[in-house]
Amino acid sequence: MKGGHGGDHASVATAGNAGDLGPRARAHLRSALIGSIFAMSVLAYLGDEATSTAKAVLTVAGTGIVVAFGEAYAGLLSAALASAQKLPAAEIREELGVCATTAAPGLLAGAFLLLADLIGLTTRTAINGALWLGVLTLTLCSVVEARGSRRSLLVRWGSVAASVVLGVGIIVLKAQLH
């Protein structure tokens, strides 16, 4: 696909390392990382304010959905403008599927906030827990991507460390904002 998620899927070689990820898996990982960063940013913004659980759920889940629609629009528009022919339905479905992955972290964060509310946690505590789950998500996505990389071990470990630093940085920023 020639959208916003990694180039022409048919022309990307995946031979080589047994751990190599295909272009579709890389696109989904990229979308999960983007969605996680957006969800964490929204949660950091909500932070310690007197936010109701309902408002927090709607804000983080709604942002995830809006970002996914934005990704889909950008990817499909880019692919359509790059092609003189009508986009194949399979390419459209693929782009929409990848973009749905962008919404998943926000939707899951919203579900976590609802669950935390049901067990009696304060919204503030639930937001903090969701932020740490975001760090875990960033780390796991980076580990999966690093395992599928042909880069040196140092670069792969560096990318995982950068994801941890980014996630913790968002939490530190939240602490500084509130």
N, C-alpha and C. Protein backbone atom coordinates (compact mmCIF):
# COMPACT_ATOMS: atom_id res chain seq x y z
N MET A 1 0.85 -1.18 0.00
CA MET A 1 0.00 0.00 0.00
C MET A 1 0.88 1.22 0.00
N LYS A 2 0.48 2.24 -0.67
CA LYS A 2 1.26 3.46 -0.76
C LYS A 2 0.65 4.54 0.11
N GLY A 3 0.26 4.18 1.31
CA GLY A 3 -0.32 5.16 2.23
C GLY A 3 0.70 5.64 3.22
N GLY A 4 0.23 6.07 4.35
CA GLY A 4 1.10 6.63 5.36
C GLY A 4 1.73 5.61 6.28
N HIS A 5 1.66 4.33 5.93
CA HIS A 5 2.14 3.32 6.86
C HIS A 5 3.25 2.45 6.32
N GLY A 6 4.22 3.02 5.65
CA GLY A 6 5.41 2.25 5.36
C GLY A 6 5.63 1.87 3.91
N GLY A 7 4.99 2.50 2.97
CA GLY A 7 5.33 2.27 1.58
C GLY A 7 4.53 1.16 0.95
N ASP A 8 4.96 0.76 -0.23
CA ASP A 8 4.28 -0.25 -1.02
C ASP A 8 4.50 -1.62 -0.40
N HIS A 9 3.46 -2.19 0.16
CA HIS A 9 3.56 -3.47 0.86
C HIS A 9 4.04 -4.59 -0.05
N ALA A 10 3.66 -4.58 -1.30
CA ALA A 10 4.02 -5.66 -2.20
C ALA A 10 5.50 -5.64 -2.56
N SER A 11 6.15 -4.50 -2.46
CA SER A 11 7.53 -4.42 -2.90
C SER A 11 8.53 -4.51 -1.76
N VAL A 12 8.09 -4.64 -0.55
CA VAL A 12 9.00 -4.69 0.58
C VAL A 12 9.42 -6.13 0.82
N ALA A 13 10.72 -6.37 0.73
CA ALA A 13 11.24 -7.72 0.94
C ALA A 13 11.25 -8.03 2.43
N THR A 14 10.83 -9.24 2.77
CA THR A 14 10.84 -9.64 4.17
C THR A 14 11.73 -10.84 4.38
N ALA A 15 12.50 -11.21 3.39
CA ALA A 15 13.41 -12.35 3.54
C ALA A 15 14.60 -11.93 4.39
N GLY A 16 15.33 -12.90 4.83
CA GLY A 16 16.52 -12.60 5.61
C GLY A 16 16.40 -13.18 6.99
N ASN A 17 16.45 -12.35 7.97
CA ASN A 17 16.38 -12.74 9.37
C ASN A 17 15.09 -13.48 9.66
N ALA A 18 15.18 -14.56 10.41
CA ALA A 18 13.97 -15.30 10.77
C ALA A 18 13.02 -14.44 11.60
N GLY A 19 13.54 -13.43 12.29
CA GLY A 19 12.71 -12.57 13.13
C GLY A 19 12.13 -11.38 12.39
N ASP A 20 12.43 -11.27 11.08
CA ASP A 20 11.93 -10.12 10.33
C ASP A 20 10.41 -10.04 10.39
N LEU A 21 9.94 -8.84 10.55
CA LEU A 21 8.50 -8.59 10.50
C LEU A 21 8.13 -8.17 9.10
N GLY A 22 6.97 -8.56 8.68
CA GLY A 22 6.48 -8.12 7.39
C GLY A 22 6.01 -6.68 7.46
N PRO A 23 5.75 -6.08 6.32
CA PRO A 23 5.33 -4.68 6.30
C PRO A 23 3.99 -4.46 7.01
N ARG A 24 3.11 -5.43 6.96
CA ARG A 24 1.81 -5.27 7.63
C ARG A 24 1.99 -5.23 9.15
N ALA A 25 2.81 -6.14 9.67
CA ALA A 25 3.07 -6.16 11.11
C ALA A 25 3.75 -4.87 11.55
N ARG A 26 4.69 -4.39 10.75
CA ARG A 26 5.37 -3.13 11.09
C ARG A 26 4.38 -1.97 11.08
N ALA A 27 3.46 -1.97 10.12
CA ALA A 27 2.46 -0.90 10.06
C ALA A 27 1.57 -0.93 11.30
N HIS A 28 1.17 -2.12 11.73
CA HIS A 28 0.34 -2.22 12.94
C HIS A 28 1.12 -1.80 14.18
N LEU A 29 2.38 -2.18 14.27
CA LEU A 29 3.20 -1.74 15.42
C LEU A 29 3.34 -0.22 15.43
N ARG A 30 3.58 0.35 14.27
CA ARG A 30 3.72 1.81 14.19
C ARG A 30 2.42 2.49 14.64
N SER A 31 1.30 1.96 14.18
CA SER A 31 0.01 2.53 14.58
C SER A 31 -0.24 2.37 16.07
N ALA A 32 0.13 1.23 16.64
CA ALA A 32 -0.02 1.03 18.08
C ALA A 32 0.85 2.00 18.86
N LEU A 33 2.06 2.24 18.37
CA LEU A 33 2.94 3.21 19.04
C LEU A 33 2.35 4.61 18.97
N ILE A 34 1.89 5.00 17.80
CA ILE A 34 1.28 6.34 17.64
C ILE A 34 0.06 6.47 18.56
N GLY A 35 -0.80 5.47 18.54
CA GLY A 35 -1.99 5.52 19.39
C GLY A 35 -1.65 5.57 20.86
N SER A 36 -0.62 4.84 21.26
CA SER A 36 -0.20 4.84 22.67
C SER A 36 0.32 6.21 23.09
N ILE A 37 1.11 6.82 22.22
CA ILE A 37 1.66 8.15 22.55
C ILE A 37 0.52 9.17 22.66
N PHE A 38 -0.43 9.12 21.74
CA PHE A 38 -1.57 10.04 21.82
C PHE A 38 -2.39 9.78 23.09
N ALA A 39 -2.67 8.52 23.38
CA ALA A 39 -3.46 8.19 24.58
C ALA A 39 -2.75 8.67 25.84
N MET A 40 -1.43 8.43 25.91
CA MET A 40 -0.68 8.86 27.09
C MET A 40 -0.67 10.39 27.19
N SER A 41 -0.56 11.06 26.07
CA SER A 41 -0.57 12.53 26.08
C SER A 41 -1.89 13.07 26.60
N VAL A 42 -2.99 12.47 26.16
CA VAL A 42 -4.31 12.89 26.64
C VAL A 42 -4.44 12.62 28.13
N LEU A 43 -4.00 11.44 28.56
CA LEU A 43 -4.07 11.11 29.99
C LEU A 43 -3.21 12.06 30.82
N ALA A 44 -2.04 12.42 30.29
CA ALA A 44 -1.17 13.36 31.00
C ALA A 44 -1.84 14.72 31.10
N TYR A 45 -2.51 15.13 30.05
CA TYR A 45 -3.23 16.40 30.07
C TYR A 45 -4.34 16.38 31.11
N LEU A 46 -5.10 15.28 31.14
CA LEU A 46 -6.20 15.17 32.11
C LEU A 46 -5.65 15.16 33.52
N GLY A 47 -4.59 14.41 33.72
CA GLY A 47 -3.83 14.37 34.95
C GLY A 47 -4.60 14.45 36.23
N ASP A 48 -4.22 15.40 37.04
CA ASP A 48 -4.76 15.52 38.39
C ASP A 48 -5.93 16.49 38.48
N GLU A 49 -6.38 16.99 37.35
CA GLU A 49 -7.52 17.90 37.38
C GLU A 49 -8.74 17.18 37.94
N ALA A 50 -9.70 17.93 38.33
CA ALA A 50 -10.94 17.36 38.85
C ALA A 50 -11.75 16.84 37.67
N THR A 51 -11.26 15.76 37.08
CA THR A 51 -11.88 15.17 35.90
C THR A 51 -12.71 13.98 36.35
N SER A 52 -13.91 13.90 35.83
CA SER A 52 -14.73 12.72 36.13
C SER A 52 -14.23 11.55 35.30
N THR A 53 -14.54 10.37 35.77
CA THR A 53 -14.17 9.18 35.01
C THR A 53 -14.81 9.20 33.63
N ALA A 54 -16.07 9.58 33.57
CA ALA A 54 -16.77 9.61 32.29
C ALA A 54 -16.08 10.56 31.31
N LYS A 55 -15.70 11.75 31.78
CA LYS A 55 -15.02 12.71 30.91
C LYS A 55 -13.67 12.15 30.47
N ALA A 56 -12.95 11.53 31.36
CA ALA A 56 -11.64 10.97 31.02
C ALA A 56 -11.78 9.86 29.98
N VAL A 57 -12.77 8.98 30.17
CA VAL A 57 -13.00 7.88 29.23
C VAL A 57 -13.35 8.44 27.85
N LEU A 58 -14.30 9.36 27.81
CA LEU A 58 -14.71 9.94 26.53
C LEU A 58 -13.57 10.68 25.85
N THR A 59 -12.75 11.36 26.63
CA THR A 59 -11.65 12.13 26.05
C THR A 59 -10.58 11.22 25.47
N VAL A 60 -10.14 10.22 26.23
CA VAL A 60 -9.05 9.37 25.74
C VAL A 60 -9.54 8.43 24.63
N ALA A 61 -10.71 7.85 24.77
CA ALA A 61 -11.23 6.97 23.73
C ALA A 61 -11.59 7.77 22.47
N GLY A 62 -12.23 8.92 22.67
CA GLY A 62 -12.59 9.77 21.53
C GLY A 62 -11.38 10.25 20.77
N THR A 63 -10.33 10.62 21.48
CA THR A 63 -9.10 11.05 20.80
C THR A 63 -8.51 9.90 19.99
N GLY A 64 -8.53 8.69 20.54
CA GLY A 64 -8.04 7.54 19.80
C GLY A 64 -8.79 7.34 18.49
N ILE A 65 -10.10 7.47 18.56
CA ILE A 65 -10.93 7.30 17.35
C ILE A 65 -10.66 8.42 16.34
N VAL A 66 -10.56 9.65 16.81
CA VAL A 66 -10.30 10.77 15.91
C VAL A 66 -8.94 10.63 15.24
N VAL A 67 -7.92 10.24 16.01
CA VAL A 67 -6.59 10.05 15.43
C VAL A 67 -6.61 8.93 14.40
N ALA A 68 -7.33 7.85 14.67
CA ALA A 68 -7.42 6.75 13.71
C ALA A 68 -8.10 7.22 12.41
N PHE A 69 -9.17 8.00 12.53
CA PHE A 69 -9.82 8.53 11.33
C PHE A 69 -8.87 9.45 10.57
N GLY A 70 -8.12 10.27 11.31
CA GLY A 70 -7.14 11.14 10.66
C GLY A 70 -6.07 10.36 9.93
N GLU A 71 -5.57 9.30 10.54
CA GLU A 71 -4.58 8.43 9.90
C GLU A 71 -5.15 7.79 8.64
N ALA A 72 -6.39 7.30 8.74
CA ALA A 72 -7.02 6.66 7.58
C ALA A 72 -7.21 7.66 6.45
N TYR A 73 -7.69 8.83 6.79
CA TYR A 73 -7.89 9.86 5.78
C TYR A 73 -6.56 10.21 5.10
N ALA A 74 -5.54 10.45 5.90
CA ALA A 74 -4.24 10.83 5.34
C ALA A 74 -3.66 9.70 4.47
N GLY A 75 -3.75 8.47 4.96
CA GLY A 75 -3.20 7.35 4.20
C GLY A 75 -3.94 7.11 2.90
N LEU A 76 -5.27 7.14 2.96
CA LEU A 76 -6.06 6.90 1.75
C LEU A 76 -5.93 8.06 0.76
N LEU A 77 -5.91 9.28 1.26
CA LEU A 77 -5.74 10.43 0.38
C LEU A 77 -4.38 10.38 -0.30
N SER A 78 -3.36 10.07 0.47
CA SER A 78 -2.01 9.96 -0.07
C SER A 78 -1.94 8.88 -1.14
N ALA A 79 -2.53 7.71 -0.87
CA ALA A 79 -2.52 6.61 -1.83
C ALA A 79 -3.31 6.99 -3.08
N ALA A 80 -4.45 7.65 -2.90
CA ALA A 80 -5.28 8.03 -4.05
C ALA A 80 -4.57 9.06 -4.93
N LEU A 81 -3.89 10.01 -4.30
CA LEU A 81 -3.19 11.03 -5.07
C LEU A 81 -1.96 10.48 -5.78
N ALA A 82 -1.38 9.41 -5.23
CA ALA A 82 -0.19 8.82 -5.83
C ALA A 82 -0.52 7.86 -6.97
N SER A 83 -1.78 7.54 -7.14
CA SER A 83 -2.20 6.57 -8.15
C SER A 83 -3.13 7.22 -9.15
N ALA A 84 -2.97 6.83 -10.40
CA ALA A 84 -3.86 7.34 -11.45
C ALA A 84 -5.14 6.51 -11.53
N GLN A 85 -5.14 5.36 -10.85
CA GLN A 85 -6.29 4.47 -10.90
C GLN A 85 -7.03 4.47 -9.56
N LYS A 86 -8.23 3.93 -9.61
CA LYS A 86 -9.04 3.78 -8.41
C LYS A 86 -8.33 2.82 -7.44
N LEU A 87 -8.37 3.16 -6.15
CA LEU A 87 -7.74 2.28 -5.16
C LEU A 87 -8.49 0.96 -5.07
N PRO A 88 -7.77 -0.15 -5.06
CA PRO A 88 -8.44 -1.44 -4.88
C PRO A 88 -9.07 -1.54 -3.49
N ALA A 89 -10.19 -2.23 -3.41
CA ALA A 89 -10.91 -2.38 -2.14
C ALA A 89 -10.01 -3.03 -1.09
N ALA A 90 -9.18 -3.98 -1.49
CA ALA A 90 -8.29 -4.66 -0.53
C ALA A 90 -7.30 -3.67 0.09
N GLU A 91 -6.84 -2.73 -0.71
CA GLU A 91 -5.90 -1.71 -0.20
C GLU A 91 -6.61 -0.78 0.79
N ILE A 92 -7.84 -0.45 0.49
CA ILE A 92 -8.62 0.40 1.40
C ILE A 92 -8.87 -0.33 2.72
N ARG A 93 -9.28 -1.61 2.63
CA ARG A 93 -9.50 -2.40 3.85
C ARG A 93 -8.23 -2.51 4.68
N GLU A 94 -7.11 -2.73 4.01
CA GLU A 94 -5.83 -2.84 4.73
C GLU A 94 -5.50 -1.55 5.47
N GLU A 95 -5.66 -0.43 4.80
CA GLU A 95 -5.37 0.87 5.43
C GLU A 95 -6.28 1.10 6.63
N LEU A 96 -7.57 0.80 6.47
CA LEU A 96 -8.52 0.99 7.57
C LEU A 96 -8.19 0.05 8.74
N GLY A 97 -7.75 -1.16 8.44
CA GLY A 97 -7.37 -2.10 9.50
C GLY A 97 -6.16 -1.63 10.28
N VAL A 98 -5.17 -1.13 9.55
CA VAL A 98 -3.97 -0.61 10.21
C VAL A 98 -4.34 0.60 11.06
N CYS A 99 -5.16 1.47 10.53
CA CYS A 99 -5.54 2.69 11.26
C CYS A 99 -6.39 2.37 12.49
N ALA A 100 -7.15 1.30 12.43
CA ALA A 100 -7.93 0.89 13.61
C ALA A 100 -7.00 0.57 14.78
N THR A 101 -5.81 0.10 14.47
CA THR A 101 -4.83 -0.18 15.52
C THR A 101 -4.44 1.10 16.25
N THR A 102 -4.49 2.23 15.56
CA THR A 102 -4.17 3.51 16.19
C THR A 102 -5.19 3.85 17.27
N ALA A 103 -6.44 3.48 17.05
CA ALA A 103 -7.49 3.78 18.03
C ALA A 103 -7.43 2.85 19.24
N ALA A 104 -6.89 1.66 19.07
CA ALA A 104 -6.92 0.65 20.13
C ALA A 104 -6.36 1.12 21.47
N PRO A 105 -5.19 1.76 21.53
CA PRO A 105 -4.69 2.18 22.85
C PRO A 105 -5.62 3.14 23.59
N GLY A 106 -6.24 4.08 22.88
CA GLY A 106 -7.18 5.01 23.51
C GLY A 106 -8.42 4.29 24.00
N LEU A 107 -8.91 3.36 23.18
CA LEU A 107 -10.09 2.58 23.59
C LEU A 107 -9.77 1.69 24.79
N LEU A 108 -8.60 1.07 24.77
CA LEU A 108 -8.20 0.22 25.89
C LEU A 108 -7.96 1.04 27.16
N ALA A 109 -7.38 2.23 27.00
CA ALA A 109 -7.19 3.10 28.16
C ALA A 109 -8.54 3.50 28.74
N GLY A 110 -9.51 3.79 27.88
CA GLY A 110 -10.86 4.11 28.34
C GLY A 110 -11.48 2.95 29.08
N ALA A 111 -11.32 1.75 28.54
CA ALA A 111 -11.85 0.55 29.21
C ALA A 111 -11.17 0.33 30.56
N PHE A 112 -9.85 0.58 30.62
CA PHE A 112 -9.13 0.45 31.89
C PHE A 112 -9.67 1.45 32.91
N LEU A 113 -9.91 2.67 32.48
CA LEU A 113 -10.44 3.69 33.40
C LEU A 113 -11.82 3.28 33.93
N LEU A 114 -12.65 2.72 33.07
CA LEU A 114 -13.97 2.24 33.51
C LEU A 114 -13.83 1.09 34.52
N LEU A 115 -12.95 0.15 34.22
CA LEU A 115 -12.71 -0.97 35.12
C LEU A 115 -12.18 -0.48 36.47
N ALA A 116 -11.24 0.44 36.43
CA ALA A 116 -10.69 1.00 37.67
C ALA A 116 -11.78 1.68 38.48
N ASP A 117 -12.69 2.38 37.81
CA ASP A 117 -13.80 3.03 38.50
C ASP A 117 -14.71 1.98 39.14
N LEU A 118 -14.96 0.89 38.43
CA LEU A 118 -15.82 -0.17 38.96
C LEU A 118 -15.24 -0.81 40.22
N ILE A 119 -13.91 -0.89 40.30
CA ILE A 119 -13.31 -1.50 41.50
C ILE A 119 -13.02 -0.47 42.58
N GLY A 120 -13.40 0.79 42.31
CA GLY A 120 -13.34 1.81 43.36
C GLY A 120 -12.11 2.69 43.37
N LEU A 121 -11.27 2.64 42.35
CA LEU A 121 -10.11 3.53 42.30
C LEU A 121 -10.54 4.94 41.92
N THR A 122 -9.82 5.91 42.41
CA THR A 122 -10.10 7.29 42.02
C THR A 122 -9.69 7.48 40.57
N THR A 123 -10.23 8.49 39.94
CA THR A 123 -9.87 8.78 38.55
C THR A 123 -8.39 9.10 38.45
N ARG A 124 -7.87 9.83 39.41
CA ARG A 124 -6.45 10.18 39.42
C ARG A 124 -5.58 8.93 39.46
N THR A 125 -5.90 7.99 40.33
CA THR A 125 -5.14 6.74 40.44
C THR A 125 -5.27 5.93 39.15
N ALA A 126 -6.47 5.89 38.59
CA ALA A 126 -6.69 5.15 37.35
C ALA A 126 -5.89 5.75 36.20
N ILE A 127 -5.85 7.08 36.13
CA ILE A 127 -5.06 7.73 35.08
C ILE A 127 -3.59 7.40 35.25
N ASN A 128 -3.10 7.44 36.47
CA ASN A 128 -1.69 7.09 36.70
C ASN A 128 -1.42 5.64 36.31
N GLY A 129 -2.33 4.74 36.64
CA GLY A 129 -2.17 3.34 36.24
C GLY A 129 -2.18 3.18 34.73
N ALA A 130 -3.09 3.89 34.07
CA ALA A 130 -3.17 3.82 32.61
C ALA A 130 -1.90 4.36 31.96
N LEU A 131 -1.32 5.40 32.57
CA LEU A 131 -0.07 5.93 32.03
C LEU A 131 1.05 4.89 32.12
N TRP A 132 1.13 4.19 33.23
CA TRP A 132 2.17 3.15 33.37
C TRP A 132 1.90 1.98 32.44
N LEU A 133 0.64 1.67 32.18
CA LEU A 133 0.33 0.65 31.18
C LEU A 133 0.74 1.14 29.78
N GLY A 134 0.66 2.43 29.56
CA GLY A 134 1.14 3.01 28.30
C GLY A 134 2.63 2.83 28.13
N VAL A 135 3.39 3.02 29.21
CA VAL A 135 4.84 2.79 29.16
C VAL A 135 5.11 1.33 28.81
N LEU A 136 4.36 0.44 29.44
CA LEU A 136 4.51 -0.99 29.15
C LEU A 136 4.18 -1.28 27.69
N THR A 137 3.13 -0.69 27.16
CA THR A 137 2.75 -0.88 25.76
C THR A 137 3.84 -0.38 24.81
N LEU A 138 4.35 0.82 25.07
CA LEU A 138 5.44 1.35 24.24
C LEU A 138 6.65 0.41 24.26
N THR A 139 6.97 -0.07 25.45
CA THR A 139 8.11 -0.97 25.60
C THR A 139 7.90 -2.28 24.84
N LEU A 140 6.73 -2.89 25.02
CA LEU A 140 6.46 -4.16 24.34
C LEU A 140 6.45 -4.01 22.82
N CYS A 141 5.83 -2.95 22.32
CA CYS A 141 5.84 -2.72 20.87
C CYS A 141 7.27 -2.55 20.36
N SER A 142 8.07 -1.83 21.11
CA SER A 142 9.46 -1.61 20.71
C SER A 142 10.28 -2.89 20.76
N VAL A 143 10.02 -3.73 21.75
CA VAL A 143 10.73 -5.02 21.84
C VAL A 143 10.36 -5.89 20.63
N VAL A 144 9.09 -5.95 20.30
CA VAL A 144 8.65 -6.75 19.14
C VAL A 144 9.30 -6.21 17.86
N GLU A 145 9.28 -4.91 17.70
CA GLU A 145 9.87 -4.32 16.50
C GLU A 145 11.38 -4.53 16.49
N ALA A 146 12.03 -4.41 17.62
CA ALA A 146 13.48 -4.61 17.68
C ALA A 146 13.85 -6.05 17.34
N ARG A 147 13.06 -6.99 17.80
CA ARG A 147 13.33 -8.40 17.49
C ARG A 147 13.24 -8.66 16.00
N GLY A 148 12.39 -7.92 15.31
CA GLY A 148 12.21 -8.10 13.88
C GLY A 148 13.14 -7.24 13.04
N SER A 149 14.05 -6.57 13.67
CA SER A 149 14.94 -5.64 12.97
C SER A 149 16.25 -6.33 12.58
N ARG A 150 16.84 -5.84 11.52
CA ARG A 150 18.17 -6.31 11.10
C ARG A 150 19.27 -5.38 11.61
N ARG A 151 18.90 -4.41 12.40
CA ARG A 151 19.87 -3.45 12.94
C ARG A 151 20.74 -4.11 13.99
N SER A 152 21.81 -3.45 14.37
CA SER A 152 22.72 -3.99 15.37
C SER A 152 22.00 -4.11 16.72
N LEU A 153 22.52 -4.96 17.57
CA LEU A 153 21.94 -5.15 18.90
C LEU A 153 21.90 -3.83 19.67
N LEU A 154 22.94 -3.04 19.54
CA LEU A 154 22.99 -1.75 20.23
C LEU A 154 21.86 -0.83 19.77
N VAL A 155 21.60 -0.78 18.48
CA VAL A 155 20.52 0.07 17.96
C VAL A 155 19.17 -0.46 18.42
N ARG A 156 19.00 -1.78 18.40
CA ARG A 156 17.72 -2.36 18.84
C ARG A 156 17.47 -2.07 20.31
N TRP A 157 18.48 -2.26 21.16
CA TRP A 157 18.32 -1.96 22.58
C TRP A 157 18.09 -0.46 22.79
N GLY A 158 18.77 0.34 21.98
CA GLY A 158 18.58 1.79 22.07
C GLY A 158 17.16 2.21 21.74
N SER A 159 16.54 1.55 20.75
CA SER A 159 15.17 1.91 20.40
C SER A 159 14.20 1.54 21.51
N VAL A 160 14.45 0.42 22.17
CA VAL A 160 13.60 0.03 23.30
C VAL A 160 13.79 1.02 24.45
N ALA A 161 15.04 1.36 24.73
CA ALA A 161 15.32 2.33 25.80
C ALA A 161 14.67 3.68 25.49
N ALA A 162 14.70 4.09 24.22
CA ALA A 162 14.09 5.37 23.84
C ALA A 162 12.58 5.35 24.10
N SER A 163 11.95 4.21 23.86
CA SER A 163 10.50 4.11 24.12
C SER A 163 10.21 4.22 25.62
N VAL A 164 11.05 3.59 26.43
CA VAL A 164 10.87 3.68 27.88
C VAL A 164 11.06 5.12 28.33
N VAL A 165 12.10 5.78 27.82
CA VAL A 165 12.36 7.17 28.18
C VAL A 165 11.21 8.07 27.74
N LEU A 166 10.68 7.83 26.54
CA LEU A 166 9.55 8.62 26.06
C LEU A 166 8.35 8.45 26.98
N GLY A 167 8.01 7.21 27.31
CA GLY A 167 6.86 6.95 28.19
C GLY A 167 7.03 7.56 29.56
N VAL A 168 8.19 7.36 30.15
CA VAL A 168 8.46 7.93 31.48
C VAL A 168 8.49 9.46 31.38
N GLY A 169 8.99 9.97 30.26
CA GLY A 169 9.01 11.42 30.05
C GLY A 169 7.61 12.01 30.04
N ILE A 170 6.67 11.30 29.45
CA ILE A 170 5.27 11.77 29.45
C ILE A 170 4.73 11.80 30.87
N ILE A 171 5.08 10.80 31.67
CA ILE A 171 4.63 10.77 33.06
C ILE A 171 5.27 11.90 33.86
N VAL A 172 6.55 12.15 33.62
CA VAL A 172 7.23 13.26 34.31
C VAL A 172 6.61 14.59 33.88
N LEU A 173 6.30 14.72 32.60
CA LEU A 173 5.66 15.95 32.13
C LEU A 173 4.31 16.13 32.83
N LYS A 174 3.54 15.06 32.95
CA LYS A 174 2.26 15.13 33.65
C LYS A 174 2.47 15.64 35.08
N ALA A 175 3.48 15.10 35.74
CA ALA A 175 3.76 15.52 37.12
C ALA A 175 4.12 17.01 37.19
N GLN A 176 4.82 17.49 36.17
CA GLN A 176 5.21 18.89 36.15
C GLN A 176 4.03 19.82 35.82
N LEU A 177 3.09 19.30 35.02
CA LEU A 177 1.93 20.09 34.65
C LEU A 177 0.92 20.24 35.78
N HIS A 178 0.87 19.23 36.63
CA HIS A 178 -0.20 19.21 37.64
C HIS A 178 0.35 19.30 39.02
